Amino acid sequence: MASSKVKRYSFIVVVLAALSVTMQIAANLVSGRLGFFGPWLAPMGVFFFPFVYIISDVTSDVYGYRVSRWIAWLTILVQLLFVGMILIVISAVKPAPFVLNMDEALRLLIIGTDGTSGMLRVMIAGVVAAVLGGWVNDIIFQLFRHVDGEGKFLKRKLISSAGAELVDTTVFITLGFFGTPSWSIAMYIVQFCLKYAVEIITSPVAKACSSKLRVMEGTGVFEDRNKFNIFGFEKKAVK
């Protein structure tokens, strides 16, 4: 007999979480490298990070706010563990003479040349930006999801992504690059436009994925709600 309860676990959720973690780590790995887009500079993570919000939108549309929030926090915790373990290893274990260049390369990747750049600063900026931007994304998306139901996916996706990318870009560029020679007002504009362009271009794919997953998972996995705790713990349903 079919159960009316919301499903607690799904292999698809594991895949979505793994993809979110991968894109977040990839974005932080390359965001310390700035590239030219015309005459303007922007972190290269713009090619990866938008997919974190795209995955969040699909997850939020199929499963609801709580699951999307849990994946967001898992993504953040894994990247903290990732960088933390690298720092522990290169600090605690003396390298062999023939890998000194690799050890130095790892240090440059993590902390930069003067301690004010590199993945550690970028990661801290990315974590704060992802927490705030992801929260904004989930709240706006779910508010429109509650009003529109399963329809109008592209509408709520693009509106929520615009708000999220605005918050994320402002926080990330300020914390990650303010005070460095590369920082400029134009960096905010370029970063936002590039990330939002990725969101727009991939919207049809996100919509198709959402529709397919809803069919595969069934309507019982979606959890509607009217309280948006940043951690996603509350389970109160909308009445």
Protein backbone atom coordinates (compact mmCIF):
# COMPACT_ATOMS: atom_id res chain seq x y z
CA MET A 1 0.00 0.00 0.00
CA ALA A 2 1.37 3.40 -0.95
CA SER A 3 2.51 5.61 1.90
CA SER A 4 1.38 9.23 2.23
CA LYS A 5 4.52 10.21 4.10
CA VAL A 6 7.29 12.21 2.47
CA LYS A 7 10.18 9.99 1.40
CA ARG A 8 13.25 10.40 3.55
CA TYR A 9 15.96 9.08 1.25
CA SER A 10 16.60 8.80 -2.46
CA PHE A 11 19.64 7.86 -4.51
CA ILE A 12 18.85 10.78 -6.81
CA VAL A 13 19.25 13.16 -3.86
CA VAL A 14 22.72 11.69 -3.27
CA VAL A 15 23.64 12.35 -6.91
CA LEU A 16 22.37 15.94 -6.70
CA ALA A 17 24.34 16.50 -3.50
CA ALA A 18 27.50 15.08 -5.09
CA LEU A 19 27.11 17.35 -8.12
CA SER A 20 26.57 20.37 -5.88
CA VAL A 21 29.71 19.60 -3.87
CA THR A 22 31.75 19.05 -7.05
CA MET A 23 30.70 22.34 -8.62
CA GLN A 24 31.33 24.30 -5.41
CA ILE A 25 34.84 22.89 -4.95
CA ALA A 26 35.67 23.39 -8.64
CA ALA A 27 34.49 27.00 -8.43
CA ASN A 28 36.65 27.71 -5.38
CA LEU A 29 39.68 25.99 -6.90
CA VAL A 30 39.70 28.25 -9.94
CA SER A 31 38.17 31.46 -8.54
CA GLY A 32 41.56 32.62 -7.33
CA ARG A 33 42.55 32.74 -11.00
CA LEU A 34 41.18 35.85 -12.66
CA GLY A 35 40.55 35.90 -16.38
CA PHE A 36 39.89 38.65 -18.89
CA PHE A 37 36.41 38.97 -20.33
CA GLY A 38 37.01 41.73 -22.80
CA PRO A 39 38.81 44.47 -20.84
CA TRP A 40 37.35 43.32 -17.49
CA LEU A 41 38.53 40.79 -14.92
CA ALA A 42 36.38 38.16 -13.26
CA PRO A 43 37.06 34.99 -11.23
CA MET A 44 37.03 31.86 -13.38
CA GLY A 45 34.63 30.20 -10.96
CA VAL A 46 31.80 31.84 -12.92
CA PHE A 47 31.85 28.76 -15.15
CA PHE A 48 31.10 26.39 -12.26
CA PHE A 49 29.33 28.15 -9.40
CA PRO A 50 26.04 28.91 -11.21
CA PHE A 51 25.43 25.16 -11.37
CA VAL A 52 25.25 25.09 -7.56
CA TYR A 53 22.14 27.30 -7.73
CA ILE A 54 20.79 25.41 -10.73
CA ILE A 55 21.00 22.16 -8.75
CA SER A 56 19.41 23.96 -5.80
CA ASP A 57 16.49 25.09 -7.97
CA VAL A 58 15.86 21.59 -9.29
CA THR A 59 16.12 20.13 -5.80
CA SER A 60 13.83 22.77 -4.34
CA ASP A 61 11.27 22.25 -7.08
CA VAL A 62 11.16 18.46 -6.74
CA TYR A 63 11.78 17.87 -3.02
CA GLY A 64 11.10 21.19 -1.31
CA TYR A 65 12.95 23.71 0.82
CA ARG A 66 14.26 21.38 3.53
CA VAL A 67 16.13 18.99 1.23
CA SER A 68 17.56 21.87 -0.78
CA ARG A 69 18.85 23.51 2.42
CA TRP A 70 20.42 20.26 3.62
CA ILE A 71 22.29 19.82 0.35
CA ALA A 72 23.47 23.44 0.56
CA TRP A 73 24.89 22.91 4.05
CA LEU A 74 26.45 19.58 3.07
CA THR A 75 28.15 21.33 0.14
CA ILE A 76 29.62 23.95 2.47
CA LEU A 77 30.79 21.43 5.09
CA VAL A 78 32.50 19.25 2.48
CA GLN A 79 34.46 22.15 0.99
CA LEU A 80 35.58 23.22 4.48
CA LEU A 81 36.75 19.66 5.10
CA PHE A 82 38.46 19.59 1.72
CA VAL A 83 40.58 22.68 2.29
CA GLY A 84 41.12 21.91 5.98
CA MET A 85 42.55 18.46 5.24
CA ILE A 86 44.93 19.88 2.62
CA LEU A 87 46.18 22.50 5.10
CA ILE A 88 46.69 19.85 7.80
CA VAL A 89 48.63 17.54 5.49
CA ILE A 90 50.99 20.16 4.01
CA SER A 91 51.59 21.70 7.45
CA ALA A 92 52.06 18.55 9.51
CA VAL A 93 53.94 16.26 7.13
CA LYS A 94 57.41 17.12 5.87
CA PRO A 95 57.56 16.70 2.08
CA ALA A 96 60.09 14.53 0.27
CA PRO A 97 62.89 16.54 -1.42
CA PHE A 98 61.72 15.66 -4.92
CA VAL A 99 58.17 17.00 -4.34
CA LEU A 100 59.08 20.41 -2.89
CA ASN A 101 57.75 22.13 -6.00
CA MET A 102 54.41 20.38 -5.60
CA ASP A 103 54.27 21.31 -1.92
CA GLU A 104 54.94 24.95 -2.72
CA ALA A 105 52.32 24.86 -5.46
CA LEU A 106 49.75 23.60 -2.95
CA ARG A 107 50.64 26.38 -0.53
CA LEU A 108 50.29 28.97 -3.28
CA LEU A 109 46.94 27.48 -4.28
CA ILE A 110 45.59 27.56 -0.73
CA ILE A 111 47.01 30.77 0.78
CA GLY A 112 48.48 32.68 -2.20
CA THR A 113 51.77 34.54 -2.31
CA ASP A 114 51.16 36.89 0.62
CA GLY A 115 48.38 35.24 2.59
CA THR A 116 45.73 37.64 1.25
CA SER A 117 44.81 35.63 -1.82
CA GLY A 118 44.47 32.00 -2.77
CA MET A 119 41.79 29.42 -2.18
CA LEU A 120 41.53 29.91 1.59
CA ARG A 121 40.32 33.50 1.29
CA VAL A 122 38.23 32.65 -1.75
CA MET A 123 36.70 29.70 0.10
CA ILE A 124 35.79 31.81 3.14
CA ALA A 125 34.23 34.40 0.85
CA GLY A 126 32.50 31.63 -1.08
CA VAL A 127 31.08 30.01 2.05
CA VAL A 128 29.59 33.26 3.37
CA ALA A 129 28.26 34.19 -0.08
CA ALA A 130 26.81 30.71 -0.66
CA VAL A 131 25.07 30.67 2.73
CA LEU A 132 23.39 34.02 2.15
CA GLY A 133 22.83 33.70 -1.60
CA GLY A 134 21.59 30.12 -1.35
CA TRP A 135 19.15 31.04 1.39
CA VAL A 136 17.76 33.91 -0.69
CA ASN A 137 17.50 31.58 -3.69
CA ASP A 138 15.57 28.91 -1.79
CA ILE A 139 13.18 31.36 -0.12
CA ILE A 140 12.25 33.22 -3.32
CA PHE A 141 11.96 29.97 -5.27
CA GLN A 142 9.69 28.36 -2.67
CA LEU A 143 7.48 31.42 -2.33
CA PHE A 144 6.77 31.34 -6.07
CA ARG A 145 6.51 27.53 -6.01
CA HIS A 146 3.78 27.78 -3.39
CA VAL A 147 1.87 30.37 -5.44
CA ASP A 148 2.29 28.80 -8.90
CA GLY A 149 2.43 25.11 -8.07
CA GLU A 150 4.39 22.90 -10.45
CA GLY A 151 3.95 25.29 -13.37
CA LYS A 152 6.03 28.36 -14.28
CA PHE A 153 9.37 26.79 -13.33
CA LEU A 154 11.38 29.17 -15.50
CA LYS A 155 9.71 32.20 -13.92
CA ARG A 156 10.60 31.26 -10.34
CA LYS A 157 14.01 29.97 -11.33
CA LEU A 158 15.11 33.15 -13.08
CA ILE A 159 13.65 35.48 -10.43
CA SER A 160 15.17 33.54 -7.53
CA SER A 161 18.50 33.20 -9.34
CA ALA A 162 18.65 36.95 -9.99
CA GLY A 163 18.21 37.68 -6.29
CA ALA A 164 20.64 34.97 -5.24
CA GLU A 165 23.34 35.94 -7.73
CA LEU A 166 23.05 39.60 -6.72
CA VAL A 167 23.61 38.75 -3.05
CA ASP A 168 26.26 36.14 -3.80
CA THR A 169 28.26 38.34 -6.16
CA THR A 170 28.24 41.33 -3.81
CA VAL A 171 29.40 39.29 -0.81
CA PHE A 172 31.88 37.11 -2.70
CA ILE A 173 33.72 39.84 -4.58
CA THR A 174 33.89 42.08 -1.50
CA LEU A 175 35.22 39.40 0.86
CA GLY A 176 37.37 37.63 -1.71
CA PHE A 177 39.02 40.48 -3.59
CA PHE A 178 38.49 43.84 -1.86
CA GLY A 179 41.88 45.41 -1.12
CA THR A 180 43.70 43.46 -3.85
CA PRO A 181 45.05 45.14 -7.02
CA SER A 182 42.48 43.27 -9.13
CA TRP A 183 39.39 44.57 -7.27
CA SER A 184 37.12 46.97 -9.11
CA ILE A 185 33.45 47.91 -9.33
CA ALA A 186 33.38 46.40 -12.82
CA MET A 187 34.20 43.00 -11.30
CA TYR A 188 30.80 42.92 -9.59
CA ILE A 189 28.98 43.67 -12.83
CA VAL A 190 30.94 41.19 -14.94
CA GLN A 191 30.64 38.45 -12.32
CA PHE A 192 26.88 38.88 -12.00
CA CYS A 193 26.26 39.06 -15.75
CA LEU A 194 28.37 36.00 -16.53
CA LYS A 195 26.84 33.84 -13.79
CA TYR A 196 23.31 34.92 -14.60
CA ALA A 197 23.94 34.25 -18.29
CA VAL A 198 24.86 30.67 -17.43
CA GLU A 199 21.62 30.40 -15.45
CA ILE A 200 19.57 31.67 -18.40
CA ILE A 201 21.28 29.46 -20.98
CA THR A 202 20.85 26.32 -18.89
CA SER A 203 17.25 27.07 -17.83
CA PRO A 204 15.62 24.75 -20.40
CA VAL A 205 17.84 21.88 -19.24
CA ALA A 206 17.03 22.62 -15.59
CA LYS A 207 13.32 22.66 -16.39
CA ALA A 208 13.55 19.33 -18.22
CA CYS A 209 15.49 17.77 -15.32
CA SER A 210 12.95 19.03 -12.80
CA SER A 211 10.02 17.64 -14.80
CA LYS A 212 11.73 14.29 -15.27
CA LEU A 213 12.64 13.96 -11.59
CA ARG A 214 9.11 14.79 -10.48
CA VAL A 215 7.85 11.90 -12.62
CA MET A 216 10.55 9.54 -11.33
CA GLU A 217 10.17 10.47 -7.66
CA GLY A 218 6.42 11.05 -7.51
CA THR A 219 4.61 13.93 -5.85
CA GLY A 220 5.05 12.46 -2.38
CA VAL A 221 8.65 13.66 -2.10
CA PHE A 222 7.77 17.36 -2.27
CA GLU A 223 7.42 19.15 1.06
CA ASP A 224 5.66 22.51 1.04
CA ARG A 225 6.28 24.84 3.99
CA ASN A 226 5.79 28.35 5.28
CA LYS A 227 8.81 28.73 7.56
CA PHE A 228 12.24 29.25 6.06
CA ASN A 229 14.77 28.50 8.77
CA ILE A 230 18.24 28.99 7.29
CA PHE A 231 19.23 25.46 8.35
CA GLY A 232 16.09 23.84 6.95
CA PHE A 233 15.16 21.99 10.17
CA GLU A 234 11.49 22.98 10.49
CA LYS A 235 8.86 20.77 8.91
CA LYS A 236 5.71 22.86 9.27
CA ALA A 237 3.50 22.51 6.20
CA VAL A 238 1.66 25.34 4.53
CA LYS A 239 -2.05 25.32 5.40
